[in-house]
Amino acid sequence: MLKDRAVTVLGAGVAGLAVARALALKGAQVRILEQAPEIREVGAGLQISPNGARVLSALGLGAALDAVSIRGEEVELIDGESGGRVTSLDLAKMGMGERFRFVHRADLIMVLADAARAAGVEIRLLQQVAEVTLAEGAAPRLTMANGAVEEAGVLIGADGLHSRVRAALNGKVAPFFTGQVAWRATLPAESGIAPRARVFMGPGRHLVTYPLRGGRLRNIVAVEERQQWVEESWSLTDDPLALRIAFENFVPEVRGWLDRIERPALWGLFRHPVAERWHGHGAVILGDAAHPTLPFLAQGANMALEDAWILAACMAVRPPEEAFAAYQVQRQGRCERIVEAANKNARNYHLSGLSRDIAHAGLKLAGRFAPKSLLRRFDWLYRHDVTGGQGEG
């Protein structure tokens, strides 16, 4: 079904590059249109969990991922104000450590971009799409920012939160502000930084940190509940004093890290509905374009990788519209479950008062007497294998 089929992918992020390589390996002629002038370092750390790592392995990129990432050995939950450990999850003892990876987003993007090109994908930069037009019986039409009009045989929208393809399929739906903002930054790491993710929790706020790039960097994401609206953008920066004030009651270790941050990035966290229509008239969406998620389960990139594999697998054995429909059936329920689980995690991290005391006591007991039960609650997420075991051995 895919031999020499022309496919246009909008967006050179994780979703777009992964699906482009997957399709090219199956014989498709794939081009990616990316609006940026270069594939550059954007964002900071990502956690690739076992479900996402299996896709990278099946795409022939397991060794490349290992080379640019750190194996996560532990997840530790900490009371941010007292510094006391609430609980920890030993990933290695639970059989998942090898496939939990901490990676800089830029490094993962370069691995995927190199792999896409090696598979024959054409990546065209400075390609800003102003509008996507979809109509029954006609090829998808792309109106570029410079006024040029192009047609796509098959169009895949991997164009993120503000997807033109999603809008063409579903109309524009305004997201709503969650009342939460997030800062992100990387710092030179102290020597001997442990390969673990640490979550410091406090009333109305939390901070996540883990190492990147062989332990040379410390990744920090800090979240605060507030009523003041902040733009949903990856390009905003904030006064570091605002970040320090937000976490002034946290332990000295955390405050020490924040004192070293000079220009934190800031973005507002908005909740978008999972798209009702994922496909139509020769076009389909995946990743954040289909199911944006809050960053409280570290699954945005992993869902994009799963989407890419399933979409390519469906397109390999069915005509496009049948393939798109089968893809949505396979993916929508799982993605909705992940999005809701991420929403719940946000609430759990920010508890206060008696509910916080009760929750922390329960986690401490479970960590002491039944540690495996804590991670088994997410077996449905981490042990899921969309590839059917087609990894690199």
Protein backbone atom coordinates (compact mmCIF):
# COMPACT_ATOMS: atom_id res chain seq x y z
CA MET A 1 0.00 0.00 0.00
CA LEU A 2 2.87 2.40 0.69
CA LYS A 3 5.29 1.65 -2.14
CA ASP A 4 6.14 5.04 -3.70
CA ARG A 5 3.06 6.69 -2.14
CA ALA A 6 3.58 10.45 -1.74
CA VAL A 7 3.10 11.58 1.86
CA THR A 8 3.45 15.11 3.24
CA VAL A 9 4.06 15.55 6.96
CA LEU A 10 3.60 18.92 8.63
CA GLY A 11 6.03 19.41 11.50
CA ALA A 12 9.51 18.12 12.33
CA GLY A 13 8.94 17.35 15.98
CA VAL A 14 8.98 13.93 17.62
CA ALA A 15 5.68 12.86 16.03
CA GLY A 16 6.48 14.10 12.52
CA LEU A 17 10.01 12.72 12.33
CA ALA A 18 9.03 9.35 13.81
CA VAL A 19 6.09 8.80 11.47
CA ALA A 20 8.17 9.97 8.50
CA ARG A 21 10.87 7.38 9.21
CA ALA A 22 8.31 4.65 9.86
CA LEU A 23 6.55 5.33 6.54
CA ALA A 24 9.77 5.71 4.54
CA LEU A 25 11.02 2.36 5.82
CA LYS A 26 7.84 0.87 4.38
CA GLY A 27 8.42 2.39 0.94
CA ALA A 28 6.60 5.72 1.04
CA GLN A 29 8.03 8.89 -0.53
CA VAL A 30 7.88 11.27 2.41
CA ARG A 31 8.54 14.97 2.70
CA ILE A 32 8.35 16.99 5.91
CA LEU A 33 7.43 20.67 5.87
CA GLU A 34 8.84 22.50 8.90
CA GLN A 35 8.31 26.21 9.52
CA ALA A 36 11.53 26.76 11.51
CA PRO A 37 14.70 27.86 9.70
CA GLU A 38 16.59 24.93 11.21
CA ILE A 39 16.07 21.90 13.38
CA ARG A 40 17.49 23.46 16.50
CA GLU A 41 17.67 23.06 20.24
CA VAL A 42 14.22 23.79 21.62
CA GLY A 43 12.83 22.67 24.95
CA ALA A 44 14.75 20.79 27.58
CA GLY A 45 14.42 17.33 29.08
CA LEU A 46 12.12 14.48 28.12
CA GLN A 47 11.42 11.19 29.82
CA ILE A 48 11.13 8.29 27.41
CA SER A 49 9.29 5.53 29.23
CA PRO A 50 9.30 1.85 28.17
CA ASN A 51 6.26 2.19 25.89
CA GLY A 52 8.01 4.92 23.87
CA ALA A 53 11.43 3.29 24.00
CA ARG A 54 10.00 0.15 22.38
CA VAL A 55 8.93 2.21 19.36
CA LEU A 56 12.36 3.77 18.97
CA SER A 57 13.90 0.32 19.19
CA ALA A 58 11.51 -1.02 16.55
CA LEU A 59 12.47 1.89 14.29
CA GLY A 60 16.09 0.76 14.57
CA LEU A 61 17.04 3.56 16.97
CA GLY A 62 17.46 1.78 20.29
CA ALA A 63 21.25 2.09 20.28
CA ALA A 64 21.05 5.73 19.15
CA LEU A 65 18.68 6.51 22.04
CA ASP A 66 21.03 4.82 24.50
CA ALA A 67 23.93 6.92 23.20
CA VAL A 68 22.23 10.27 23.89
CA SER A 69 20.26 9.45 27.02
CA ILE A 70 20.65 8.36 30.64
CA ARG A 71 19.07 5.22 32.05
CA GLY A 72 16.67 6.17 34.83
CA GLU A 73 17.13 4.02 37.91
CA GLU A 74 14.65 5.55 40.35
CA VAL A 75 11.70 7.89 40.77
CA GLU A 76 11.63 9.61 44.15
CA LEU A 77 8.71 11.57 45.64
CA ILE A 78 9.77 14.13 48.25
CA ASP A 79 7.99 16.57 50.58
CA GLY A 80 9.30 19.82 49.16
CA GLU A 81 8.96 21.77 52.41
CA SER A 82 10.48 19.27 54.85
CA GLY A 83 12.74 17.35 52.49
CA GLY A 84 11.41 14.03 53.78
CA ARG A 85 11.11 11.16 51.33
CA VAL A 86 7.50 10.18 50.72
CA THR A 87 8.27 7.13 48.61
CA SER A 88 10.52 5.90 45.82
CA LEU A 89 10.23 3.52 42.91
CA ASP A 90 13.27 1.41 42.09
CA LEU A 91 12.86 1.01 38.33
CA ALA A 92 15.66 -1.52 37.97
CA LYS A 93 14.22 -3.90 40.59
CA MET A 94 10.87 -3.65 38.88
CA GLY A 95 12.32 -4.67 35.54
CA MET A 96 11.86 -1.31 33.81
CA GLY A 97 15.10 0.58 34.40
CA GLU A 98 16.71 -0.33 31.08
CA ARG A 99 13.89 1.34 29.14
CA PHE A 100 13.36 4.47 31.26
CA ARG A 101 15.53 7.12 29.65
CA PHE A 102 16.22 10.80 30.40
CA VAL A 103 17.08 12.67 27.19
CA HIS A 104 17.39 16.26 26.01
CA ARG A 105 14.66 16.98 23.50
CA ALA A 106 17.18 18.45 21.05
CA ASP A 107 19.24 15.24 21.15
CA LEU A 108 16.19 13.07 20.48
CA ILE A 109 15.13 15.35 17.63
CA MET A 110 18.56 15.07 16.01
CA VAL A 111 18.51 11.27 16.31
CA LEU A 112 15.08 11.18 14.65
CA ALA A 113 16.01 13.75 11.97
CA ASP A 114 19.18 11.88 11.00
CA ALA A 115 17.23 8.62 10.93
CA ALA A 116 14.47 10.12 8.79
CA ARG A 117 16.96 11.45 6.25
CA ALA A 118 18.78 8.11 6.23
CA ALA A 119 15.48 6.46 5.30
CA GLY A 120 15.05 8.84 2.37
CA VAL A 121 12.80 11.49 3.92
CA GLU A 122 13.09 15.02 2.51
CA ILE A 123 13.00 17.71 5.22
CA ARG A 124 12.13 21.17 3.91
CA LEU A 125 12.66 24.09 6.29
CA LEU A 126 11.11 27.58 6.30
CA GLN A 127 7.79 26.12 5.14
CA GLN A 128 5.11 28.03 7.03
CA VAL A 129 1.57 26.84 6.33
CA ALA A 130 -1.09 29.51 6.77
CA GLU A 131 -4.14 27.36 6.03
CA VAL A 132 -5.12 23.80 5.27
CA THR A 133 -8.17 23.16 3.09
CA LEU A 134 -9.84 19.75 3.04
CA ALA A 135 -12.73 18.85 0.75
CA GLU A 136 -14.49 15.69 -0.37
CA GLY A 137 -12.94 14.26 -3.53
CA ALA A 138 -10.04 16.74 -3.61
CA ALA A 139 -6.45 16.48 -2.50
CA PRO A 140 -5.55 18.37 0.68
CA ARG A 141 -4.49 21.94 -0.18
CA LEU A 142 -1.83 23.88 1.70
CA THR A 143 -1.79 27.66 1.46
CA MET A 144 1.66 28.85 2.46
CA ALA A 145 2.44 32.09 4.28
CA ASN A 146 3.93 33.51 1.06
CA GLY A 147 0.69 32.85 -0.83
CA ALA A 148 1.84 29.76 -2.71
CA VAL A 149 -0.60 26.84 -2.87
CA GLU A 150 0.48 23.19 -2.80
CA GLU A 151 -1.38 19.91 -2.86
CA ALA A 152 -0.57 16.82 -0.81
CA GLY A 153 -1.39 13.28 -1.84
CA VAL A 154 -1.67 12.19 1.77
CA LEU A 155 -1.36 14.82 4.51
CA ILE A 156 -0.25 14.03 8.06
CA GLY A 157 -0.63 16.79 10.63
CA ALA A 158 2.13 16.52 13.22
CA ASP A 159 1.98 20.27 13.71
CA GLY A 160 1.44 20.41 17.44
CA LEU A 161 -0.87 22.27 19.77
CA HIS A 162 -1.94 24.87 17.22
CA SER A 163 -2.34 22.40 14.37
CA ARG A 164 -3.70 23.74 11.09
CA VAL A 165 -4.75 20.23 10.12
CA ARG A 166 -6.69 19.69 13.36
CA ALA A 167 -8.46 23.01 12.80
CA ALA A 168 -9.40 21.99 9.24
CA LEU A 169 -10.87 18.75 10.56
CA ASN A 170 -12.58 20.00 13.72
CA GLY A 171 -12.79 23.78 13.54
CA LYS A 172 -11.07 25.95 16.10
CA VAL A 173 -11.71 25.04 19.73
CA ALA A 174 -10.38 27.37 22.41
CA PRO A 175 -8.48 25.61 25.21
CA PHE A 176 -8.92 26.73 28.81
CA PHE A 177 -6.26 27.86 31.24
CA THR A 178 -5.73 25.29 33.98
CA GLY A 179 -4.63 27.86 36.54
CA GLN A 180 -1.10 26.47 36.38
CA VAL A 181 2.13 27.77 34.92
CA ALA A 182 5.43 25.99 34.42
CA TRP A 183 9.02 27.16 34.35
CA ARG A 184 11.76 25.10 32.73
CA ALA A 185 15.51 25.40 32.75
CA THR A 186 18.73 23.41 32.60
CA LEU A 187 21.76 23.95 34.81
CA PRO A 188 25.30 22.59 34.86
CA ALA A 189 24.99 19.60 37.17
CA GLU A 190 27.04 18.92 40.25
CA SER A 191 29.41 15.97 39.95
CA GLY A 192 27.93 12.60 40.77
CA ILE A 193 24.31 13.52 40.07
CA ALA A 194 22.22 10.38 40.52
CA PRO A 195 20.30 8.90 37.54
CA ARG A 196 16.89 9.41 39.09
CA ALA A 197 13.86 11.64 38.70
CA ARG A 198 13.02 13.55 41.87
CA VAL A 199 9.62 15.17 42.43
CA PHE A 200 9.47 17.79 45.21
CA MET A 201 5.82 18.31 46.15
CA GLY A 202 4.18 21.15 48.03
CA PRO A 203 0.78 22.84 48.39
CA GLY A 204 -0.17 24.24 45.00
CA ARG A 205 3.22 23.59 43.41
CA HIS A 206 5.86 20.99 42.60
CA LEU A 207 9.28 20.70 40.98
CA VAL A 208 10.73 17.82 38.92
CA THR A 209 14.44 17.36 38.28
CA TYR A 210 16.65 14.74 36.62
CA PRO A 211 20.02 14.57 34.84
CA LEU A 212 20.68 14.98 31.12
CA ARG A 213 23.61 14.58 28.72
CA GLY A 214 25.70 12.11 30.65
CA GLY A 215 25.04 13.89 33.93
CA ARG A 216 26.48 17.22 32.75
CA LEU A 217 23.11 19.00 33.00
CA ARG A 218 20.30 19.10 35.52
CA ASN A 219 16.82 19.49 34.01
CA ILE A 220 14.26 21.43 36.06
CA VAL A 221 10.53 21.84 35.52
CA ALA A 222 8.66 23.78 38.21
CA VAL A 223 4.87 24.19 38.31
CA GLU A 224 2.76 26.63 40.32
CA GLU A 225 -1.00 27.12 40.61
CA ARG A 226 -2.08 30.70 40.01
CA GLN A 227 -4.98 32.68 38.61
CA GLN A 228 -2.95 35.04 36.41
CA TRP A 229 -3.13 33.87 32.82
CA VAL A 230 0.12 33.15 30.97
CA GLU A 231 0.47 32.55 27.22
CA GLU A 232 0.79 28.99 25.94
CA SER A 233 4.17 29.40 24.30
CA TRP A 234 7.62 27.76 24.32
CA SER A 235 9.38 31.08 23.66
CA LEU A 236 8.50 33.16 26.74
CA THR A 237 10.98 33.84 29.51
CA ASP A 238 10.35 35.08 33.04
CA ASP A 239 12.04 37.04 35.81
CA PRO A 240 13.92 34.42 37.85
CA LEU A 241 12.80 36.19 41.02
CA ALA A 242 9.21 35.10 40.36
CA LEU A 243 10.35 31.48 40.24
CA ARG A 244 12.37 31.82 43.44
CA ILE A 245 9.49 33.44 45.31
CA ALA A 246 7.11 30.66 44.23
CA PHE A 247 9.36 28.05 45.87
CA GLU A 248 10.75 30.10 48.77
CA ASN A 249 9.31 27.62 51.31
CA PHE A 250 10.98 24.61 49.72
CA VAL A 251 14.13 22.98 51.06
CA PRO A 252 17.55 24.70 50.64
CA GLU A 253 18.60 22.18 47.99
CA VAL A 254 15.78 23.30 45.70
CA ARG A 255 16.30 26.98 46.45
CA GLY A 256 19.98 26.59 45.64
CA TRP A 257 19.19 25.32 42.17
CA LEU A 258 16.70 28.12 41.54
CA ASP A 259 19.18 30.76 42.67
CA ARG A 260 21.42 29.71 39.77
CA ILE A 261 18.75 30.10 37.09
CA GLU A 262 19.12 33.39 35.23
CA ARG A 263 16.50 33.17 32.47
CA PRO A 264 13.80 30.55 33.05
CA ALA A 265 11.39 29.74 30.26
CA LEU A 266 7.74 30.12 31.24
CA TRP A 267 4.57 28.77 29.71
CA GLY A 268 0.93 28.57 30.68
CA LEU A 269 -0.62 25.14 30.95
CA PHE A 270 -3.86 24.85 29.00
CA ARG A 271 -6.16 21.89 28.70
CA HIS A 272 -7.17 20.99 25.16
CA PRO A 273 -9.82 18.40 24.41
CA VAL A 274 -8.81 15.24 22.60
CA ALA A 275 -9.84 15.86 18.99
CA GLU A 276 -13.17 14.40 17.94
CA ARG A 277 -12.09 13.88 14.31
CA TRP A 278 -8.56 12.62 13.67
CA HIS A 279 -8.90 12.19 9.91
CA GLY A 280 -10.85 13.04 6.80
CA HIS A 281 -10.46 13.95 3.10
CA GLY A 282 -6.92 12.63 2.76
CA ALA A 283 -5.57 14.04 6.03
CA VAL A 284 -4.85 12.67 9.51
CA ILE A 285 -3.39 14.04 12.76
CA LEU A 286 -1.21 12.57 15.48
CA GLY A 287 0.70 13.57 18.61
CA ASP A 288 -0.17 16.90 20.22
CA ALA A 289 -2.29 17.81 17.21
CA ALA A 290 -4.71 15.01 18.15
CA HIS A 291 -4.41 14.72 21.94
CA PRO A 292 -2.47 17.45 23.76
CA THR A 293 -1.66 16.45 27.33
CA LEU A 294 -0.44 18.19 30.44
CA PRO A 295 3.16 17.32 31.39
CA PHE A 296 2.35 15.50 34.64
CA LEU A 297 2.83 11.96 33.40
CA ALA A 298 5.71 12.63 30.98
CA GLN A 299 3.82 11.02 28.10
CA GLY A 300 3.61 13.62 25.33
CA ALA A 301 6.59 12.29 23.36
CA ASN A 302 5.75 8.69 24.18
CA MET A 303 2.20 9.00 22.87
CA ALA A 304 3.56 10.61 19.71
CA LEU A 305 5.91 7.67 19.17
CA GLU A 306 3.10 5.15 19.69
CA ASP A 307 0.88 7.09 17.27
CA ALA A 308 3.60 7.11 14.62
CA TRP A 309 4.08 3.37 14.76
CA ILE A 310 0.37 2.51 14.65
CA LEU A 311 -0.42 4.99 11.87
CA ALA A 312 2.39 3.66 9.67
CA ALA A 313 1.37 0.06 10.39
CA CYS A 314 -2.25 0.79 9.41
CA MET A 315 -1.23 2.64 6.24
CA ALA A 316 0.98 -0.28 5.18
CA VAL A 317 -1.98 -2.64 4.80
CA ARG A 318 -5.01 -0.42 4.02
CA PRO A 319 -5.97 2.40 1.68
CA PRO A 320 -5.52 5.79 3.35
CA GLU A 321 -9.05 6.51 4.62
CA GLU A 322 -9.49 2.97 5.95
CA ALA A 323 -6.05 3.15 7.53
CA PHE A 324 -6.82 6.47 9.21
CA ALA A 325 -10.07 5.14 10.64
CA ALA A 326 -8.38 2.01 11.98
CA TYR A 327 -5.62 4.14 13.50
CA GLN A 328 -8.08 6.35 15.38
CA VAL A 329 -9.96 3.32 16.70
CA GLN A 330 -6.74 1.83 18.04
CA ARG A 331 -5.39 5.02 19.57
CA GLN A 332 -8.20 7.24 20.81
CA GLY A 333 -9.28 5.34 23.93
CA ARG A 334 -5.72 4.83 25.17
CA CYS A 335 -4.79 8.46 24.58
CA GLU A 336 -7.88 9.72 26.40
CA ARG A 337 -6.96 7.51 29.37
CA ILE A 338 -3.40 8.88 29.44
CA VAL A 339 -4.59 12.49 29.24
CA GLU A 340 -6.95 11.97 32.17
CA ALA A 341 -4.25 10.22 34.22
CA ALA A 342 -1.97 13.22 33.66
CA ASN A 343 -4.74 15.55 34.84
CA LYS A 344 -5.09 13.54 38.06
CA ASN A 345 -1.34 13.59 38.68
CA ALA A 346 -1.40 17.38 38.68
CA ARG A 347 -3.92 17.36 41.52
CA ASN A 348 -2.04 14.70 43.49
CA TYR A 349 1.24 16.61 43.41
CA HIS A 350 -0.35 19.81 44.76
CA LEU A 351 -2.39 18.55 47.72
CA SER A 352 -2.49 20.57 50.93
CA GLY A 353 -3.71 20.20 54.49
CA LEU A 354 -5.23 16.97 55.75
CA SER A 355 -5.70 15.44 52.29
CA ARG A 356 -1.96 15.87 51.68
CA ASP A 357 -1.03 14.27 55.00
CA ILE A 358 -3.29 11.29 54.32
CA ALA A 359 -2.02 10.81 50.77
CA HIS A 360 1.64 11.01 51.80
CA ALA A 361 1.08 8.56 54.66
CA GLY A 362 -0.53 6.11 52.25
CA LEU A 363 2.36 6.39 49.81
CA LYS A 364 4.89 5.83 52.59
CA LEU A 365 3.10 2.67 53.73
CA ALA A 366 2.83 1.34 50.19
CA GLY A 367 6.47 2.11 49.49
CA ARG A 368 7.55 0.27 52.61
CA PHE A 369 5.33 -2.80 52.46
CA ALA A 370 4.24 -3.15 48.81
CA PRO A 371 6.60 -1.10 46.61
CA LYS A 372 5.84 -3.02 43.45
CA SER A 373 2.14 -2.20 43.79
CA LEU A 374 2.88 1.49 43.20
CA LEU A 375 4.35 0.91 39.77
CA ARG A 376 1.90 -1.85 38.84
CA ARG A 377 -0.80 0.79 38.88
CA PHE A 378 0.81 1.98 35.63
CA ASP A 379 1.42 -1.39 34.01
CA TRP A 380 -1.31 -0.50 31.52
CA LEU A 381 0.83 2.46 30.47
CA TYR A 382 4.47 1.38 30.63
CA ARG A 383 4.17 -2.28 29.63
CA HIS A 384 2.05 -1.54 26.57
CA ASP A 385 3.86 -2.51 23.35
CA VAL A 386 2.38 -1.19 20.11
CA THR A 387 5.19 -2.82 18.11
CA GLY A 388 4.39 -6.40 19.06
CA GLY A 389 7.97 -6.97 20.17
CA GLN A 390 9.65 -5.82 16.96
CA GLY A 391 12.59 -4.16 18.70
CA GLU A 392 16.30 -4.49 18.04
CA GLY A 393 16.65 -7.65 20.04
